[in-house]
Amino acid sequence: MAKDANVFARVDASLKEQAESILTQLGMPMSNAINVFLNQVVLHRGLPFEVTLPPQAPIAAGSLTSDEYYAEIKRGYDDCAAGRTRPAGEAFQAIEAELGL
């Protein structure tokens, strides 16, 4: 396939340097890596990886300021008031699964 189009993107300089360092170790120029990524987007008809937020670490109550603590309590109260609840056993199973216990 002929390479007859340009892609221009502004990225963080530090991120670019880190990526280039890794790609150099792999013997792959940045343009080839971008072509691989774009080919995978086409093949997957979307991003070729899952885009999610990292798991949240449990919040230790002692590490919160007074305002943060009361905000968490209010959030829990608001969830209860809105009916966003589940049985305790189910909640504990979900917590254990999330923490890998």
PDB file of N, CA and C in Angstrom:
ATOM      1  N   MET A   1       0.846  -1.172   0.000  1.00  0.00           N
ATOM      2  CA  MET A   1       0.000   0.000   0.000  1.00  0.00           C
ATOM      3  C   MET A   1       0.891   1.234   0.000  1.00  0.00           C
ATOM      4  N   ALA A   2       0.631   2.171  -0.880  1.00  0.00           N
ATOM      5  CA  ALA A   2       1.439   3.386  -0.986  1.00  0.00           C
ATOM      6  C   ALA A   2       1.210   4.287   0.214  1.00  0.00           C
ATOM      7  N   LYS A   3       2.282   4.882   0.681  1.00  0.00           N
ATOM      8  CA  LYS A   3       2.189   5.823   1.799  1.00  0.00           C
ATOM      9  C   LYS A   3       2.142   7.224   1.214  1.00  0.00           C
ATOM     10  N   ASP A   4       0.928   7.723   1.059  1.00  0.00           N
ATOM     11  CA  ASP A   4       0.768   9.012   0.394  1.00  0.00           C
ATOM     12  C   ASP A   4      -0.071  10.005   1.208  1.00  0.00           C
ATOM     13  N   ALA A   5      -0.169   9.790   2.524  1.00  0.00           N
ATOM     14  CA  ALA A   5      -0.906  10.711   3.386  1.00  0.00           C
ATOM     15  C   ALA A   5      -0.089  10.975   4.639  1.00  0.00           C
ATOM     16  N   ASN A   6      -0.301  12.136   5.230  1.00  0.00           N
ATOM     17  CA  ASN A   6       0.402  12.523   6.455  1.00  0.00           C
ATOM     18  C   ASN A   6      -0.571  12.574   7.622  1.00  0.00           C
ATOM     19  N   VAL A   7      -0.044  12.276   8.797  1.00  0.00           N
ATOM     20  CA  VAL A   7      -0.788  12.419  10.038  1.00  0.00           C
ATOM     21  C   VAL A   7       0.028  13.342  10.928  1.00  0.00           C
ATOM     22  N   PHE A   8      -0.586  14.401  11.403  1.00  0.00           N
ATOM     23  CA  PHE A   8       0.088  15.338  12.293  1.00  0.00           C
ATOM     24  C   PHE A   8      -0.603  15.290  13.648  1.00  0.00           C
ATOM     25  N   ALA A   9       0.177  15.093  14.701  1.00  0.00           N
ATOM     26  CA  ALA A   9      -0.390  15.044  16.052  1.00  0.00           C
ATOM     27  C   ALA A   9       0.580  15.708  17.020  1.00  0.00           C
ATOM     28  N   ARG A  10       0.037  16.484  17.921  1.00  0.00           N
ATOM     29  CA  ARG A  10       0.855  17.090  18.972  1.00  0.00           C
ATOM     30  C   ARG A  10       0.766  16.187  20.194  1.00  0.00           C
ATOM     31  N   VAL A  11       1.924  15.796  20.712  1.00  0.00           N
ATOM     32  CA  VAL A  11       1.978  14.925  21.880  1.00  0.00           C
ATOM     33  C   VAL A  11       2.963  15.497  22.894  1.00  0.00           C
ATOM     34  N   ASP A  12       2.855  15.030  24.116  1.00  0.00           N
ATOM     35  CA  ASP A  12       3.768  15.434  25.174  1.00  0.00           C
ATOM     36  C   ASP A  12       5.189  14.996  24.803  1.00  0.00           C
ATOM     37  N   ALA A  13       6.151  15.894  24.921  1.00  0.00           N
ATOM     38  CA  ALA A  13       7.530  15.605  24.513  1.00  0.00           C
ATOM     39  C   ALA A  13       8.124  14.434  25.288  1.00  0.00           C
ATOM     40  N   SER A  14       7.874  14.382  26.574  1.00  0.00           N
ATOM     41  CA  SER A  14       8.413  13.295  27.394  1.00  0.00           C
ATOM     42  C   SER A  14       7.828  11.945  26.975  1.00  0.00           C
ATOM     43  N   LEU A  15       6.528  11.920  26.709  1.00  0.00           N
ATOM     44  CA  LEU A  15       5.874  10.695  26.261  1.00  0.00           C
ATOM     45  C   LEU A  15       6.472  10.239  24.931  1.00  0.00           C
ATOM     46  N   LYS A  16       6.674  11.182  24.021  1.00  0.00           N
ATOM     47  CA  LYS A  16       7.256  10.863  22.704  1.00  0.00           C
ATOM     48  C   LYS A  16       8.659  10.274  22.872  1.00  0.00           C
ATOM     49  N   GLU A  17       9.473  10.885  23.732  1.00  0.00           N
ATOM     50  CA  GLU A  17      10.829  10.379  23.955  1.00  0.00           C
ATOM     51  C   GLU A  17      10.816   8.971  24.527  1.00  0.00           C
ATOM     52  N   GLN A  18       9.936   8.732  25.499  1.00  0.00           N
ATOM     53  CA  GLN A  18       9.851   7.402  26.103  1.00  0.00           C
ATOM     54  C   GLN A  18       9.432   6.357  25.069  1.00  0.00           C
ATOM     55  N   ALA A  19       8.428   6.707  24.261  1.00  0.00           N
ATOM     56  CA  ALA A  19       7.954   5.778  23.228  1.00  0.00           C
ATOM     57  C   ALA A  19       9.045   5.528  22.191  1.00  0.00           C
ATOM     58  N   GLU A  20       9.731   6.587  21.761  1.00  0.00           N
ATOM     59  CA  GLU A  20      10.801   6.424  20.763  1.00  0.00           C
ATOM     60  C   GLU A  20      11.916   5.539  21.298  1.00  0.00           C
ATOM     61  N   SER A  21      12.236   5.683  22.583  1.00  0.00           N
ATOM     62  CA  SER A  21      13.285   4.854  23.181  1.00  0.00           C
ATOM     63  C   SER A  21      12.905   3.376  23.112  1.00  0.00           C
ATOM     64  N   ILE A  22      11.671   3.066  23.451  1.00  0.00           N
ATOM     65  CA  ILE A  22      11.201   1.674  23.406  1.00  0.00           C
ATOM     66  C   ILE A  22      11.148   1.175  21.972  1.00  0.00           C
ATOM     67  N   LEU A  23      10.621   2.000  21.068  1.00  0.00           N
ATOM     68  CA  LEU A  23      10.521   1.586  19.665  1.00  0.00           C
ATOM     69  C   LEU A  23      11.899   1.378  19.049  1.00  0.00           C
ATOM     70  N   THR A  24      12.873   2.193  19.434  1.00  0.00           N
ATOM     71  CA  THR A  24      14.241   2.020  18.943  1.00  0.00           C
ATOM     72  C   THR A  24      14.790   0.668  19.383  1.00  0.00           C
ATOM     73  N   GLN A  25      14.513   0.294  20.634  1.00  0.00           N
ATOM     74  CA  GLN A  25      14.956  -1.011  21.128  1.00  0.00           C
ATOM     75  C   GLN A  25      14.301  -2.148  20.341  1.00  0.00           C
ATOM     76  N   LEU A  26      13.081  -1.900  19.854  1.00  0.00           N
ATOM     77  CA  LEU A  26      12.378  -2.901  19.043  1.00  0.00           C
ATOM     78  C   LEU A  26      12.789  -2.839  17.573  1.00  0.00           C
ATOM     79  N   GLY A  27      13.607  -1.827  17.213  1.00  0.00           N
ATOM     80  CA  GLY A  27      14.025  -1.671  15.825  1.00  0.00           C
ATOM     81  C   GLY A  27      12.910  -1.154  14.935  1.00  0.00           C
ATOM     82  N   MET A  28      12.011  -0.355  15.504  1.00  0.00           N
ATOM     83  CA  MET A  28      10.843   0.118  14.760  1.00  0.00           C
ATOM     84  C   MET A  28      10.749   1.643  14.842  1.00  0.00           C
ATOM     85  N   PRO A  29      10.753   2.314  13.688  1.00  0.00           N
ATOM     86  CA  PRO A  29      10.554   3.768  13.724  1.00  0.00           C
ATOM     87  C   PRO A  29       9.119   4.112  14.134  1.00  0.00           C
ATOM     88  N   MET A  30       8.946   5.316  14.652  1.00  0.00           N
ATOM     89  CA  MET A  30       7.638   5.776  15.110  1.00  0.00           C
ATOM     90  C   MET A  30       6.599   5.653  14.002  1.00  0.00           C
ATOM     91  N   SER A  31       6.963   5.976  12.763  1.00  0.00           N
ATOM     92  CA  SER A  31       5.985   5.918  11.665  1.00  0.00           C
ATOM     93  C   SER A  31       5.475   4.496  11.450  1.00  0.00           C
ATOM     94  N   ASN A  32       6.347   3.484  11.604  1.00  0.00           N
ATOM     95  CA  ASN A  32       5.897   2.099  11.468  1.00  0.00           C
ATOM     96  C   ASN A  32       4.947   1.728  12.607  1.00  0.00           C
ATOM     97  N   ALA A  33       5.248   2.175  13.816  1.00  0.00           N
ATOM     98  CA  ALA A  33       4.382   1.890  14.959  1.00  0.00           C
ATOM     99  C   ALA A  33       3.008   2.511  14.743  1.00  0.00           C
ATOM    100  N   ILE A  34       2.973   3.714  14.212  1.00  0.00           N
ATOM    101  CA  ILE A  34       1.690   4.374  13.938  1.00  0.00           C
ATOM    102  C   ILE A  34       0.929   3.604  12.862  1.00  0.00           C
ATOM    103  N   ASN A  35       1.630   3.127  11.829  1.00  0.00           N
ATOM    104  CA  ASN A  35       0.977   2.319  10.795  1.00  0.00           C
ATOM    105  C   ASN A  35       0.414   1.018  11.375  1.00  0.00           C
ATOM    106  N   VAL A  36       1.166   0.383  12.266  1.00  0.00           N
ATOM    107  CA  VAL A  36       0.680  -0.848  12.909  1.00  0.00           C
ATOM    108  C   VAL A  36      -0.595  -0.526  13.692  1.00  0.00           C
ATOM    109  N   PHE A  37      -0.560   0.561  14.475  1.00  0.00           N
ATOM    110  CA  PHE A  37      -1.727   0.950  15.250  1.00  0.00           C
ATOM    111  C   PHE A  37      -2.931   1.197  14.348  1.00  0.00           C
ATOM    112  N   LEU A  38      -2.758   1.968  13.282  1.00  0.00           N
ATOM    113  CA  LEU A  38      -3.877   2.276  12.392  1.00  0.00           C
ATOM    114  C   LEU A  38      -4.410   1.029  11.697  1.00  0.00           C
ATOM    115  N   ASN A  39      -3.525   0.110  11.316  1.00  0.00           N
ATOM    116  CA  ASN A  39      -3.980  -1.158  10.725  1.00  0.00           C
ATOM    117  C   ASN A  39      -4.815  -1.945  11.727  1.00  0.00           C
ATOM    118  N   GLN A  40      -4.406  -1.950  12.984  1.00  0.00           N
ATOM    119  CA  GLN A  40      -5.167  -2.661  14.009  1.00  0.00           C
ATOM    120  C   GLN A  40      -6.522  -2.003  14.257  1.00  0.00           C
ATOM    121  N   VAL A  41      -6.576  -0.688  14.188  1.00  0.00           N
ATOM    122  CA  VAL A  41      -7.859   0.015  14.320  1.00  0.00           C
ATOM    123  C   VAL A  41      -8.808  -0.446  13.224  1.00  0.00           C
ATOM    124  N   VAL A  42      -8.296  -0.542  12.003  1.00  0.00           N
ATOM    125  CA  VAL A  42      -9.127  -0.987  10.872  1.00  0.00           C
ATOM    126  C   VAL A  42      -9.560  -2.440  11.070  1.00  0.00           C
ATOM    127  N   LEU A  43      -8.620  -3.315  11.437  1.00  0.00           N
ATOM    128  CA  LEU A  43      -8.947  -4.738  11.616  1.00  0.00           C
ATOM    129  C   LEU A  43      -9.955  -4.967  12.738  1.00  0.00           C
ATOM    130  N   HIS A  44      -9.829  -4.208  13.829  1.00  0.00           N
ATOM    131  CA  HIS A  44     -10.729  -4.371  14.975  1.00  0.00           C
ATOM    132  C   HIS A  44     -11.985  -3.513  14.861  1.00  0.00           C
ATOM    133  N   ARG A  45     -11.981  -2.650  13.861  1.00  0.00           N
ATOM    134  CA  ARG A  45     -13.092  -1.701  13.698  1.00  0.00           C
ATOM    135  C   ARG A  45     -13.302  -0.895  14.970  1.00  0.00           C
ATOM    136  N   GLY A  46     -12.195  -0.479  15.555  1.00  0.00           N
ATOM    137  CA  GLY A  46     -12.185   0.296  16.793  1.00  0.00           C
ATOM    138  C   GLY A  46     -10.794   0.223  17.389  1.00  0.00           C
ATOM    139  N   LEU A  47     -10.662   0.692  18.592  1.00  0.00           N
ATOM    140  CA  LEU A  47      -9.356   0.628  19.245  1.00  0.00           C
ATOM    141  C   LEU A  47      -8.969  -0.824  19.478  1.00  0.00           C
ATOM    142  N   PRO A  48      -7.696  -1.169  19.248  1.00  0.00           N
ATOM    143  CA  PRO A  48      -7.273  -2.566  19.377  1.00  0.00           C
ATOM    144  C   PRO A  48      -6.957  -2.978  20.814  1.00  0.00           C
ATOM    145  N   PHE A  49      -7.459  -2.225  21.766  1.00  0.00           N
ATOM    146  CA  PHE A  49      -7.258  -2.540  23.173  1.00  0.00           C
ATOM    147  C   PHE A  49      -8.403  -1.930  23.952  1.00  0.00           C
ATOM    148  N   GLU A  50      -8.585  -2.434  25.168  1.00  0.00           N
ATOM    149  CA  GLU A  50      -9.659  -1.942  26.016  1.00  0.00           C
ATOM    150  C   GLU A  50      -9.237  -0.621  26.654  1.00  0.00           C
ATOM    151  N   VAL A  51     -10.111   0.356  26.640  1.00  0.00           N
ATOM    152  CA  VAL A  51      -9.830   1.651  27.253  1.00  0.00           C
ATOM    153  C   VAL A  51     -10.670   1.750  28.522  1.00  0.00           C
ATOM    154  N   THR A  52      -9.996   1.656  29.658  1.00  0.00           N
ATOM    155  CA  THR A  52     -10.681   1.706  30.945  1.00  0.00           C
ATOM    156  C   THR A  52      -9.873   2.533  31.923  1.00  0.00           C
ATOM    157  N   LEU A  53     -10.500   2.916  32.996  1.00  0.00           N
ATOM    158  CA  LEU A  53      -9.785   3.574  34.078  1.00  0.00           C
ATOM    159  C   LEU A  53      -9.128   2.504  34.932  1.00  0.00           C
ATOM    160  N   PRO A  54      -7.959   2.799  35.510  1.00  0.00           N
ATOM    161  CA  PRO A  54      -7.330   1.811  36.380  1.00  0.00           C
ATOM    162  C   PRO A  54      -8.196   1.568  37.612  1.00  0.00           C
ATOM    163  N   PRO A  55      -8.058   0.386  38.213  1.00  0.00           N
ATOM    164  CA  PRO A  55      -8.864   0.111  39.406  1.00  0.00           C
ATOM    165  C   PRO A  55      -8.555   1.145  40.497  1.00  0.00           C
ATOM    166  N   GLN A  56      -9.582   1.521  41.222  1.00  0.00           N
ATOM    167  CA  GLN A  56      -9.406   2.468  42.309  1.00  0.00           C
ATOM    168  C   GLN A  56      -8.983   1.733  43.557  1.00  0.00           C
ATOM    169  N   ALA A  57      -7.982   2.254  44.230  1.00  0.00           N
ATOM    170  CA  ALA A  57      -7.568   1.674  45.500  1.00  0.00           C
ATOM    171  C   ALA A  57      -8.621   2.026  46.549  1.00  0.00           C
ATOM    172  N   PRO A  58      -8.849   1.120  47.497  1.00  0.00           N
ATOM    173  CA  PRO A  58      -9.808   1.442  48.554  1.00  0.00           C
ATOM    174  C   PRO A  58      -9.375   2.704  49.292  1.00  0.00           C
ATOM    175  N   ILE A  59     -10.337   3.470  49.743  1.00  0.00           N
ATOM    176  CA  ILE A  59     -10.050   4.713  50.453  1.00  0.00           C
ATOM    177  C   ILE A  59      -9.974   4.415  51.945  1.00  0.00           C
ATOM    178  N   ALA A  60      -8.868   4.791  52.566  1.00  0.00           N
ATOM    179  CA  ALA A  60      -8.730   4.642  54.018  1.00  0.00           C
ATOM    180  C   ALA A  60      -9.342   5.875  54.668  1.00  0.00           C
ATOM    181  N   ALA A  61     -10.308   5.665  55.525  1.00  0.00           N
ATOM    182  CA  ALA A  61     -11.016   6.780  56.149  1.00  0.00           C
ATOM    183  C   ALA A  61     -10.048   7.726  56.858  1.00  0.00           C
ATOM    184  N   GLY A  62      -9.000   7.182  57.469  1.00  0.00           N
ATOM    185  CA  GLY A  62      -8.032   8.012  58.197  1.00  0.00           C
ATOM    186  C   GLY A  62      -7.207   8.927  57.310  1.00  0.00           C
ATOM    187  N   SER A  63      -7.185   8.633  56.000  1.00  0.00           N
ATOM    188  CA  SER A  63      -6.377   9.456  55.092  1.00  0.00           C
ATOM    189  C   SER A  63      -7.167  10.636  54.525  1.00  0.00           C
ATOM    190  N   LEU A  64      -8.467  10.687  54.838  1.00  0.00           N
ATOM    191  CA  LEU A  64      -9.321  11.742  54.293  1.00  0.00           C
ATOM    192  C   LEU A  64      -9.367  12.949  55.216  1.00  0.00           C
ATOM    193  N   THR A  65      -9.501  14.115  54.602  1.00  0.00           N
ATOM    194  CA  THR A  65      -9.767  15.300  55.403  1.00  0.00           C
ATOM    195  C   THR A  65     -11.196  15.203  55.910  1.00  0.00           C
ATOM    196  N   SER A  66     -11.542  16.052  56.836  1.00  0.00           N
ATOM    197  CA  SER A  66     -12.902  16.059  57.377  1.00  0.00           C
ATOM    198  C   SER A  66     -13.921  16.291  56.265  1.00  0.00           C
ATOM    199  N   ASP A  67     -13.642  17.240  55.361  1.00  0.00           N
ATOM    200  CA  ASP A  67     -14.562  17.530  54.254  1.00  0.00           C
ATOM    201  C   ASP A  67     -14.694  16.332  53.313  1.00  0.00           C
ATOM    202  N   GLU A  68     -13.566  15.671  52.997  1.00  0.00           N
ATOM    203  CA  GLU A  68     -13.606  14.507  52.114  1.00  0.00           C
ATOM    204  C   GLU A  68     -14.386  13.365  52.759  1.00  0.00           C
ATOM    205  N   TYR A  69     -14.174  13.185  54.072  1.00  0.00           N
ATOM    206  CA  TYR A  69     -14.874  12.124  54.800  1.00  0.00           C
ATOM    207  C   TYR A  69     -16.384  12.339  54.733  1.00  0.00           C
ATOM    208  N   TYR A  70     -16.826  13.554  55.030  1.00  0.00           N
ATOM    209  CA  TYR A  70     -18.267  13.825  55.013  1.00  0.00           C
ATOM    210  C   TYR A  70     -18.833  13.770  53.595  1.00  0.00           C
ATOM    211  N   ALA A  71     -18.020  14.099  52.590  1.00  0.00           N
ATOM    212  CA  ALA A  71     -18.464  13.980  51.196  1.00  0.00           C
ATOM    213  C   ALA A  71     -18.704  12.511  50.842  1.00  0.00           C
ATOM    214  N   GLU A  72     -17.827  11.613  51.320  1.00  0.00           N
ATOM    215  CA  GLU A  72     -18.009  10.175  51.079  1.00  0.00           C
ATOM    216  C   GLU A  72     -19.255   9.661  51.789  1.00  0.00           C
ATOM    217  N   ILE A  73     -19.454  10.096  53.022  1.00  0.00           N
ATOM    218  CA  ILE A  73     -20.647   9.696  53.774  1.00  0.00           C
ATOM    219  C   ILE A  73     -21.902  10.179  53.049  1.00  0.00           C
ATOM    220  N   LYS A  74     -21.879  11.425  52.574  1.00  0.00           N
ATOM    221  CA  LYS A  74     -23.041  11.979  51.859  1.00  0.00           C
ATOM    222  C   LYS A  74     -23.292  11.219  50.574  1.00  0.00           C
ATOM    223  N   ARG A  75     -22.218  10.857  49.873  1.00  0.00           N
ATOM    224  CA  ARG A  75     -22.374  10.092  48.630  1.00  0.00           C
ATOM    225  C   ARG A  75     -23.054   8.754  48.914  1.00  0.00           C
ATOM    226  N   GLY A  76     -22.648   8.087  49.992  1.00  0.00           N
ATOM    227  CA  GLY A  76     -23.283   6.831  50.371  1.00  0.00           C
ATOM    228  C   GLY A  76     -24.744   7.019  50.742  1.00  0.00           C
ATOM    229  N   TYR A  77     -25.010   8.075  51.485  1.00  0.00           N
ATOM    230  CA  TYR A  77     -26.406   8.368  51.867  1.00  0.00           C
ATOM    231  C   TYR A  77     -27.250   8.639  50.620  1.00  0.00           C
ATOM    232  N   ASP A  78     -26.697   9.439  49.700  1.00  0.00           N
ATOM    233  CA  ASP A  78     -27.422   9.763  48.461  1.00  0.00           C
ATOM    234  C   ASP A  78     -27.705   8.500  47.644  1.00  0.00           C
ATOM    235  N   ASP A  79     -26.739   7.578  47.598  1.00  0.00           N
ATOM    236  CA  ASP A  79     -26.961   6.311  46.893  1.00  0.00           C
ATOM    237  C   ASP A  79     -28.116   5.538  47.519  1.00  0.00           C
ATOM    238  N   CYS A  80     -28.132   5.473  48.855  1.00  0.00           N
ATOM    239  CA  CYS A  80     -29.228   4.770  49.553  1.00  0.00           C
ATOM    240  C   CYS A  80     -30.563   5.441  49.267  1.00  0.00           C
ATOM    241  N   ALA A  81     -30.583   6.758  49.355  1.00  0.00           N
ATOM    242  CA  ALA A  81     -31.827   7.503  49.142  1.00  0.00           C
ATOM    243  C   ALA A  81     -32.349   7.312  47.718  1.00  0.00           C
ATOM    244  N   ALA A  82     -31.435   7.129  46.757  1.00  0.00           N
ATOM    245  CA  ALA A  82     -31.832   6.962  45.352  1.00  0.00           C
ATOM    246  C   ALA A  82     -32.114   5.496  45.011  1.00  0.00           C
ATOM    247  N   GLY A  83     -31.962   4.604  45.985  1.00  0.00           N
ATOM    248  CA  GLY A  83     -32.243   3.196  45.727  1.00  0.00           C
ATOM    249  C   GLY A  83     -31.100   2.440  45.078  1.00  0.00           C
ATOM    250  N   ARG A  84     -29.919   3.033  45.039  1.00  0.00           N
ATOM    251  CA  ARG A  84     -28.758   2.350  44.463  1.00  0.00           C
ATOM    252  C   ARG A  84     -28.105   1.501  45.559  1.00  0.00           C
ATOM    253  N   THR A  85     -28.764   0.379  45.857  1.00  0.00           N
ATOM    254  CA  THR A  85     -28.296  -0.514  46.918  1.00  0.00           C
ATOM    255  C   THR A  85     -28.296  -1.949  46.417  1.00  0.00           C
ATOM    256  N   ARG A  86     -27.657  -2.835  47.191  1.00  0.00           N
ATOM    257  CA  ARG A  86     -27.699  -4.270  46.916  1.00  0.00           C
ATOM    258  C   ARG A  86     -27.471  -5.005  48.228  1.00  0.00           C
ATOM    259  N   PRO A  87     -27.826  -6.270  48.283  1.00  0.00           N
ATOM    260  CA  PRO A  87     -27.654  -7.029  49.525  1.00  0.00           C
ATOM    261  C   PRO A  87     -26.185  -7.040  49.967  1.00  0.00           C
ATOM    262  N   ALA A  88     -25.964  -7.039  51.287  1.00  0.00           N
ATOM    263  CA  ALA A  88     -24.614  -6.979  51.844  1.00  0.00           C
ATOM    264  C   ALA A  88     -23.724  -8.103  51.309  1.00  0.00           C
ATOM    265  N   GLY A  89     -24.258  -9.332  51.258  1.00  0.00           N
ATOM    266  CA  GLY A  89     -23.458 -10.466  50.768  1.00  0.00           C
ATOM    267  C   GLY A  89     -22.959 -10.242  49.354  1.00  0.00           C
ATOM    268  N   GLU A  90     -23.817  -9.712  48.518  1.00  0.00           N
ATOM    269  CA  GLU A  90     -23.443  -9.418  47.128  1.00  0.00           C
ATOM    270  C   GLU A  90     -22.385  -8.313  47.079  1.00  0.00           C
ATOM    271  N   ALA A  91     -22.540  -7.306  47.932  1.00  0.00           N
ATOM    272  CA  ALA A  91     -21.573  -6.200  47.972  1.00  0.00           C
ATOM    273  C   ALA A  91     -20.199  -6.709  48.413  1.00  0.00           C
ATOM    274  N   PHE A  92     -20.174  -7.559  49.453  1.00  0.00           N
ATOM    275  CA  PHE A  92     -18.898  -8.087  49.926  1.00  0.00           C
ATOM    276  C   PHE A  92     -18.240  -8.986  48.884  1.00  0.00           C
ATOM    277  N   GLN A  93     -19.026  -9.775  48.158  1.00  0.00           N
ATOM    278  CA  GLN A  93     -18.462 -10.606  47.088  1.00  0.00           C
ATOM    279  C   GLN A  93     -17.834  -9.729  46.009  1.00  0.00           C
ATOM    280  N   ALA A  94     -18.493  -8.646  45.654  1.00  0.00           N
ATOM    281  CA  ALA A  94     -17.962  -7.732  44.638  1.00  0.00           C
ATOM    282  C   ALA A  94     -16.660  -7.092  45.109  1.00  0.00           C
ATOM    283  N   ILE A  95     -16.620  -6.686  46.373  1.00  0.00           N
ATOM    284  CA  ILE A  95     -15.401  -6.081  46.928  1.00  0.00           C
ATOM    285  C   ILE A  95     -14.265  -7.085  46.927  1.00  0.00           C
ATOM    286  N   GLU A  96     -14.538  -8.309  47.361  1.00  0.00           N
ATOM    287  CA  GLU A  96     -13.501  -9.350  47.393  1.00  0.00           C
ATOM    288  C   GLU A  96     -12.994  -9.662  45.989  1.00  0.00           C
ATOM    289  N   ALA A  97     -13.898  -9.712  45.022  1.00  0.00           N
ATOM    290  CA  ALA A  97     -13.485  -9.975  43.637  1.00  0.00           C
ATOM    291  C   ALA A  97     -12.628  -8.831  43.104  1.00  0.00           C
ATOM    292  N   GLU A  98     -13.027  -7.604  43.416  1.00  0.00           N
ATOM    293  CA  GLU A  98     -12.283  -6.440  42.937  1.00  0.00           C
ATOM    294  C   GLU A  98     -10.879  -6.389  43.533  1.00  0.00           C
ATOM    295  N   LEU A  99     -10.753  -6.806  44.797  1.00  0.00           N
ATOM    296  CA  LEU A  99      -9.455  -6.769  45.472  1.00  0.00           C
ATOM    297  C   LEU A  99      -8.665  -8.071  45.313  1.00  0.00           C
ATOM    298  N   GLY A 100      -9.270  -9.053  44.621  1.00  0.00           N
ATOM    299  CA  GLY A 100      -8.582 -10.327  44.398  1.00  0.00           C
ATOM    300  C   GLY A 100      -8.438 -11.155  45.660  1.00  0.00           C
ATOM    301  N   LEU A 101      -9.417 -11.071  46.539  1.00  0.00           N
ATOM    302  CA  LEU A 101      -9.362 -11.828  47.800  1.00  0.00           C
ATOM    303  C   LEU A 101     -10.095 -13.157  47.679  1.00  0.00           C
TER     304      LEU A 101
END
